[in-house]
Amino acid sequence: MASQEDLYVLIDNERYRAGKSDILNSQADLLRILKHIHHLKVLSRQKADLNAELHRLFSYIAKTIETIEERFPNPKVPKKINMNGVREEKKEKSDYSKKESIDMELESIQEKLRLLNG
């Protein structure tokens, strides 16, 4: 074959310039792509750093809120507010009030029995 002899191919000037232009444009495009990839890597690194900083700030804020909540007393806040702006307190049920009402009924019944018998 052509191992020992040199082969020369004649290419007209327009084809040579078009081919050379295509090669140079391809090289320029590859360099632009490399530049964009480098820029994307930098942005990715910055994003990771900002996410870490954001996570650190949120955890700091959460700890601060917990500390503040521990220091404040738990106020008794009513569940409902009337239309007039008066707050309705939730009524607590207690055995003591039931016991008083039973005692009062028992006394009234005993008094009625005394009036009937006496």
N, C-alpha and C. Protein backbone atom coordinates (compact mmCIF):
# COMPACT_ATOMS: atom_id res chain seq x y z
N MET A 1 0.82 -1.18 0.00
CA MET A 1 0.00 0.00 0.00
C MET A 1 0.87 1.25 0.00
N ALA A 2 0.48 2.22 0.78
CA ALA A 2 1.17 3.50 0.75
C ALA A 2 2.07 3.66 1.96
N SER A 3 2.64 2.61 2.42
CA SER A 3 3.44 2.70 3.63
C SER A 3 4.79 3.36 3.37
N GLN A 4 5.40 3.06 2.23
CA GLN A 4 6.71 3.63 1.98
C GLN A 4 6.64 4.88 1.11
N GLU A 5 5.58 5.06 0.45
CA GLU A 5 5.46 6.21 -0.42
C GLU A 5 4.53 7.24 0.22
N ASP A 6 4.80 8.48 -0.03
CA ASP A 6 3.94 9.55 0.47
C ASP A 6 2.85 9.81 -0.56
N LEU A 7 1.65 9.98 -0.05
CA LEU A 7 0.52 10.30 -0.91
C LEU A 7 0.14 11.76 -0.69
N TYR A 8 -0.13 12.41 -1.74
CA TYR A 8 -0.58 13.79 -1.65
C TYR A 8 -1.93 13.89 -2.31
N VAL A 9 -2.80 14.66 -1.64
CA VAL A 9 -4.14 14.84 -2.18
C VAL A 9 -4.30 16.33 -2.43
N LEU A 10 -4.82 16.62 -3.55
CA LEU A 10 -5.02 18.02 -3.91
C LEU A 10 -6.46 18.40 -3.56
N ILE A 11 -6.60 19.43 -2.72
CA ILE A 11 -7.91 19.94 -2.33
C ILE A 11 -7.96 21.38 -2.79
N ASP A 12 -9.06 21.71 -3.41
CA ASP A 12 -9.16 23.09 -3.89
C ASP A 12 -9.25 24.05 -2.70
N ASN A 13 -8.98 25.30 -2.93
CA ASN A 13 -8.84 26.32 -1.91
C ASN A 13 -10.14 26.54 -1.12
N GLU A 14 -11.29 26.50 -1.74
CA GLU A 14 -12.56 26.72 -1.04
C GLU A 14 -12.86 25.59 -0.07
N ARG A 15 -12.63 24.36 -0.49
CA ARG A 15 -12.88 23.22 0.41
C ARG A 15 -11.91 23.25 1.59
N TYR A 16 -10.66 23.61 1.32
CA TYR A 16 -9.67 23.69 2.39
C TYR A 16 -10.10 24.72 3.43
N ARG A 17 -10.49 25.89 2.97
CA ARG A 17 -10.91 26.95 3.89
C ARG A 17 -12.17 26.56 4.65
N ALA A 18 -13.14 25.93 3.98
CA ALA A 18 -14.37 25.50 4.65
C ALA A 18 -14.06 24.45 5.70
N GLY A 19 -13.20 23.48 5.39
CA GLY A 19 -12.82 22.44 6.35
C GLY A 19 -12.07 23.03 7.53
N LYS A 20 -11.10 23.88 7.25
CA LYS A 20 -10.33 24.52 8.31
C LYS A 20 -11.24 25.38 9.19
N SER A 21 -12.20 26.10 8.58
CA SER A 21 -13.15 26.91 9.33
C SER A 21 -14.02 26.03 10.22
N ASP A 22 -14.47 24.90 9.70
CA ASP A 22 -15.29 23.98 10.50
C ASP A 22 -14.50 23.44 11.70
N ILE A 23 -13.24 23.09 11.48
CA ILE A 23 -12.40 22.57 12.57
C ILE A 23 -12.20 23.65 13.64
N LEU A 24 -11.89 24.86 13.21
CA LEU A 24 -11.68 25.94 14.17
C LEU A 24 -12.96 26.29 14.93
N ASN A 25 -14.10 26.29 14.23
CA ASN A 25 -15.38 26.54 14.90
C ASN A 25 -15.69 25.43 15.91
N SER A 26 -15.38 24.19 15.58
CA SER A 26 -15.60 23.07 16.50
C SER A 26 -14.72 23.23 17.74
N GLN A 27 -13.46 23.61 17.53
CA GLN A 27 -12.57 23.82 18.68
C GLN A 27 -13.07 24.97 19.56
N ALA A 28 -13.53 26.04 18.93
CA ALA A 28 -14.06 27.17 19.70
C ALA A 28 -15.31 26.75 20.47
N ASP A 29 -16.18 25.96 19.83
CA ASP A 29 -17.38 25.47 20.52
C ASP A 29 -17.02 24.59 21.71
N LEU A 30 -16.02 23.72 21.53
CA LEU A 30 -15.58 22.86 22.63
C LEU A 30 -15.02 23.70 23.79
N LEU A 31 -14.26 24.73 23.47
CA LEU A 31 -13.72 25.59 24.52
C LEU A 31 -14.84 26.34 25.24
N ARG A 32 -15.86 26.78 24.52
CA ARG A 32 -17.01 27.43 25.16
C ARG A 32 -17.75 26.45 26.06
N ILE A 33 -17.91 25.22 25.58
CA ILE A 33 -18.57 24.19 26.41
C ILE A 33 -17.78 23.94 27.68
N LEU A 34 -16.44 23.83 27.56
CA LEU A 34 -15.61 23.64 28.76
C LEU A 34 -15.74 24.81 29.73
N LYS A 35 -15.81 26.01 29.16
CA LYS A 35 -15.98 27.20 29.99
C LYS A 35 -17.32 27.16 30.73
N HIS A 36 -18.40 26.75 30.04
CA HIS A 36 -19.72 26.64 30.68
C HIS A 36 -19.74 25.55 31.73
N ILE A 37 -19.07 24.43 31.45
CA ILE A 37 -19.00 23.34 32.44
C ILE A 37 -18.28 23.81 33.69
N HIS A 38 -17.18 24.53 33.50
CA HIS A 38 -16.45 25.07 34.66
C HIS A 38 -17.35 26.02 35.45
N HIS A 39 -18.08 26.88 34.74
CA HIS A 39 -18.99 27.82 35.40
C HIS A 39 -20.08 27.06 36.16
N LEU A 40 -20.61 25.99 35.57
CA LEU A 40 -21.63 25.19 36.25
C LEU A 40 -21.07 24.52 37.50
N LYS A 41 -19.81 24.07 37.45
CA LYS A 41 -19.19 23.47 38.63
C LYS A 41 -19.05 24.49 39.75
N VAL A 42 -18.66 25.71 39.38
CA VAL A 42 -18.53 26.77 40.38
C VAL A 42 -19.89 27.09 40.99
N LEU A 43 -20.91 27.19 40.13
CA LEU A 43 -22.26 27.48 40.64
C LEU A 43 -22.77 26.34 41.52
N SER A 44 -22.47 25.10 41.15
CA SER A 44 -22.89 23.95 41.95
C SER A 44 -22.23 23.99 43.32
N ARG A 45 -20.94 24.32 43.36
CA ARG A 45 -20.23 24.43 44.63
C ARG A 45 -20.82 25.55 45.48
N GLN A 46 -21.13 26.69 44.86
CA GLN A 46 -21.74 27.80 45.58
C GLN A 46 -23.12 27.43 46.11
N LYS A 47 -23.88 26.68 45.31
CA LYS A 47 -25.21 26.24 45.75
C LYS A 47 -25.09 25.33 46.95
N ALA A 48 -24.15 24.41 46.92
CA ALA A 48 -23.96 23.50 48.05
C ALA A 48 -23.56 24.27 49.31
N ASP A 49 -22.68 25.25 49.13
CA ASP A 49 -22.26 26.08 50.28
C ASP A 49 -23.43 26.87 50.85
N LEU A 50 -24.23 27.45 49.96
CA LEU A 50 -25.39 28.23 50.42
C LEU A 50 -26.43 27.34 51.09
N ASN A 51 -26.64 26.13 50.56
CA ASN A 51 -27.58 25.21 51.19
C ASN A 51 -27.10 24.82 52.59
N ALA A 52 -25.80 24.59 52.73
CA ALA A 52 -25.25 24.25 54.04
C ALA A 52 -25.43 25.42 55.00
N GLU A 53 -25.17 26.64 54.52
CA GLU A 53 -25.34 27.83 55.35
C GLU A 53 -26.81 28.01 55.75
N LEU A 54 -27.72 27.79 54.80
CA LEU A 54 -29.16 27.90 55.08
C LEU A 54 -29.59 26.87 56.11
N HIS A 55 -29.10 25.65 55.96
CA HIS A 55 -29.44 24.60 56.92
C HIS A 55 -28.91 24.96 58.31
N ARG A 56 -27.70 25.51 58.38
CA ARG A 56 -27.12 25.91 59.65
C ARG A 56 -27.95 27.04 60.28
N LEU A 57 -28.37 28.00 59.47
CA LEU A 57 -29.18 29.10 60.00
C LEU A 57 -30.54 28.62 60.49
N PHE A 58 -31.19 27.71 59.74
CA PHE A 58 -32.48 27.19 60.18
C PHE A 58 -32.36 26.41 61.48
N SER A 59 -31.30 25.63 61.62
CA SER A 59 -31.14 24.89 62.87
C SER A 59 -30.87 25.86 64.03
N TYR A 60 -30.11 26.93 63.77
CA TYR A 60 -29.87 27.93 64.80
C TYR A 60 -31.18 28.63 65.20
N ILE A 61 -32.00 28.96 64.21
CA ILE A 61 -33.29 29.61 64.49
C ILE A 61 -34.20 28.67 65.27
N ALA A 62 -34.21 27.39 64.90
CA ALA A 62 -35.06 26.42 65.61
C ALA A 62 -34.61 26.30 67.07
N LYS A 63 -33.30 26.24 67.30
CA LYS A 63 -32.81 26.14 68.67
C LYS A 63 -33.14 27.41 69.46
N THR A 64 -33.03 28.56 68.82
CA THR A 64 -33.35 29.82 69.48
C THR A 64 -34.82 29.88 69.86
N ILE A 65 -35.69 29.45 68.95
CA ILE A 65 -37.13 29.43 69.23
C ILE A 65 -37.43 28.49 70.39
N GLU A 66 -36.79 27.32 70.40
CA GLU A 66 -37.01 26.38 71.51
C GLU A 66 -36.57 26.99 72.83
N THR A 67 -35.44 27.68 72.82
CA THR A 67 -34.94 28.32 74.04
C THR A 67 -35.91 29.39 74.52
N ILE A 68 -36.42 30.19 73.61
CA ILE A 68 -37.37 31.23 73.97
C ILE A 68 -38.66 30.62 74.51
N GLU A 69 -39.15 29.56 73.87
CA GLU A 69 -40.38 28.91 74.33
C GLU A 69 -40.20 28.30 75.72
N GLU A 70 -39.00 27.80 76.02
CA GLU A 70 -38.75 27.23 77.34
C GLU A 70 -38.78 28.32 78.42
N ARG A 71 -38.34 29.51 78.10
CA ARG A 71 -38.27 30.59 79.08
C ARG A 71 -39.61 31.23 79.36
N PHE A 72 -40.51 31.25 78.39
CA PHE A 72 -41.81 31.87 78.57
C PHE A 72 -42.76 30.91 79.26
N PRO A 73 -43.62 31.44 80.13
CA PRO A 73 -44.62 30.57 80.76
C PRO A 73 -45.72 30.23 79.75
N ASN A 74 -46.42 29.16 80.02
CA ASN A 74 -47.53 28.77 79.15
C ASN A 74 -48.79 29.47 79.63
N PRO A 75 -49.24 30.50 78.91
CA PRO A 75 -50.44 31.22 79.33
C PRO A 75 -51.69 30.42 79.00
N LYS A 76 -52.72 30.71 79.76
CA LYS A 76 -54.00 30.05 79.52
C LYS A 76 -54.76 30.92 78.52
N VAL A 77 -54.86 30.46 77.30
CA VAL A 77 -55.50 31.23 76.24
C VAL A 77 -56.87 30.62 75.97
N PRO A 78 -57.91 31.44 75.94
CA PRO A 78 -59.25 30.89 75.69
C PRO A 78 -59.37 30.37 74.26
N LYS A 79 -60.21 29.37 74.10
CA LYS A 79 -60.42 28.76 72.80
C LYS A 79 -61.31 29.61 71.91
N LYS A 80 -62.32 30.27 72.51
CA LYS A 80 -63.30 31.03 71.72
C LYS A 80 -63.32 32.48 72.17
N ILE A 81 -63.71 33.31 71.25
CA ILE A 81 -63.95 34.72 71.56
C ILE A 81 -65.34 35.06 71.04
N ASN A 82 -66.17 35.69 71.92
CA ASN A 82 -67.52 36.08 71.51
C ASN A 82 -67.46 37.13 70.42
N MET A 83 -68.58 37.37 69.80
CA MET A 83 -68.67 38.40 68.76
C MET A 83 -68.46 39.78 69.37
N ASN A 84 -68.75 39.94 70.64
CA ASN A 84 -68.59 41.23 71.31
C ASN A 84 -67.14 41.47 71.73
N GLY A 85 -66.29 40.50 71.51
CA GLY A 85 -64.90 40.65 71.90
C GLY A 85 -64.62 40.13 73.30
N VAL A 86 -65.65 39.62 73.98
CA VAL A 86 -65.46 39.09 75.31
C VAL A 86 -64.98 37.65 75.18
N ARG A 87 -63.96 37.34 75.89
CA ARG A 87 -63.41 36.00 75.81
C ARG A 87 -64.19 35.05 76.71
N GLU A 88 -64.48 33.91 76.17
CA GLU A 88 -65.15 32.90 76.97
C GLU A 88 -64.11 31.95 77.53
N GLU A 89 -64.11 31.83 78.81
CA GLU A 89 -63.19 30.91 79.45
C GLU A 89 -63.79 29.51 79.41
N LYS A 90 -62.94 28.57 79.23
CA LYS A 90 -63.39 27.18 79.22
C LYS A 90 -63.72 26.77 80.65
N LYS A 91 -64.91 26.26 80.85
CA LYS A 91 -65.34 25.88 82.18
C LYS A 91 -64.71 24.54 82.55
N GLU A 92 -64.12 24.54 83.71
CA GLU A 92 -63.49 23.31 84.18
C GLU A 92 -64.52 22.52 84.99
N LYS A 93 -64.58 21.26 84.70
CA LYS A 93 -65.49 20.39 85.44
C LYS A 93 -64.73 19.86 86.65
N SER A 94 -65.38 19.92 87.77
CA SER A 94 -64.74 19.41 88.97
C SER A 94 -65.75 18.61 89.78
N ASP A 95 -65.24 17.69 90.54
CA ASP A 95 -66.09 16.88 91.40
C ASP A 95 -66.67 17.71 92.53
N TYR A 96 -65.95 18.75 92.90
CA TYR A 96 -66.39 19.59 94.01
C TYR A 96 -67.70 20.29 93.68
N SER A 97 -67.84 20.83 92.47
CA SER A 97 -69.07 21.52 92.11
C SER A 97 -70.24 20.53 92.01
N LYS A 98 -69.99 19.34 91.53
CA LYS A 98 -71.04 18.31 91.47
C LYS A 98 -71.47 17.91 92.87
N LYS A 99 -70.49 17.83 93.74
CA LYS A 99 -70.78 17.44 95.11
C LYS A 99 -71.64 18.49 95.80
N GLU A 100 -71.34 19.77 95.51
CA GLU A 100 -72.13 20.85 96.10
C GLU A 100 -73.56 20.81 95.58
N SER A 101 -73.74 20.58 94.28
CA SER A 101 -75.09 20.56 93.74
C SER A 101 -75.88 19.37 94.30
N ILE A 102 -75.24 18.25 94.50
CA ILE A 102 -75.93 17.09 95.09
C ILE A 102 -76.33 17.40 96.53
N ASP A 103 -75.39 18.05 97.26
CA ASP A 103 -75.71 18.41 98.65
C ASP A 103 -76.88 19.38 98.71
N MET A 104 -76.89 20.34 97.80
CA MET A 104 -77.98 21.32 97.79
C MET A 104 -79.32 20.64 97.47
N GLU A 105 -79.33 19.73 96.51
CA GLU A 105 -80.57 19.01 96.19
C GLU A 105 -81.03 18.17 97.37
N LEU A 106 -80.07 17.51 98.01
CA LEU A 106 -80.41 16.68 99.16
C LEU A 106 -81.00 17.53 100.28
N GLU A 107 -80.45 18.69 100.53
CA GLU A 107 -80.99 19.57 101.56
C GLU A 107 -82.40 20.06 101.20
N SER A 108 -82.60 20.38 99.91
CA SER A 108 -83.94 20.85 99.53
C SER A 108 -84.96 19.71 99.66
N ILE A 109 -84.57 18.50 99.34
CA ILE A 109 -85.49 17.35 99.50
C ILE A 109 -85.78 17.12 100.98
N GLN A 110 -84.76 17.19 101.83
CA GLN A 110 -84.96 17.01 103.27
C GLN A 110 -85.86 18.09 103.82
N GLU A 111 -85.72 19.31 103.37
CA GLU A 111 -86.58 20.39 103.84
C GLU A 111 -88.03 20.15 103.42
N LYS A 112 -88.26 19.69 102.20
CA LYS A 112 -89.63 19.36 101.74
C LYS A 112 -90.20 18.25 102.57
N LEU A 113 -89.39 17.25 102.92
CA LEU A 113 -89.87 16.15 103.77
C LEU A 113 -90.25 16.67 105.16
N ARG A 114 -89.48 17.56 105.70
CA ARG A 114 -89.78 18.14 107.02
C ARG A 114 -91.07 18.92 106.97
N LEU A 115 -91.29 19.67 105.86
CA LEU A 115 -92.53 20.42 105.74
C LEU A 115 -93.72 19.49 105.62
N LEU A 116 -93.56 18.39 104.91
CA LEU A 116 -94.66 17.42 104.77
C LEU A 116 -94.94 16.69 106.10
N ASN A 117 -93.93 16.35 106.81
CA ASN A 117 -94.10 15.59 108.04
C ASN A 117 -94.34 16.49 109.25
N GLY A 118 -93.96 17.61 109.17
CA GLY A 118 -93.95 18.40 110.36
C GLY A 118 -94.85 19.50 110.51
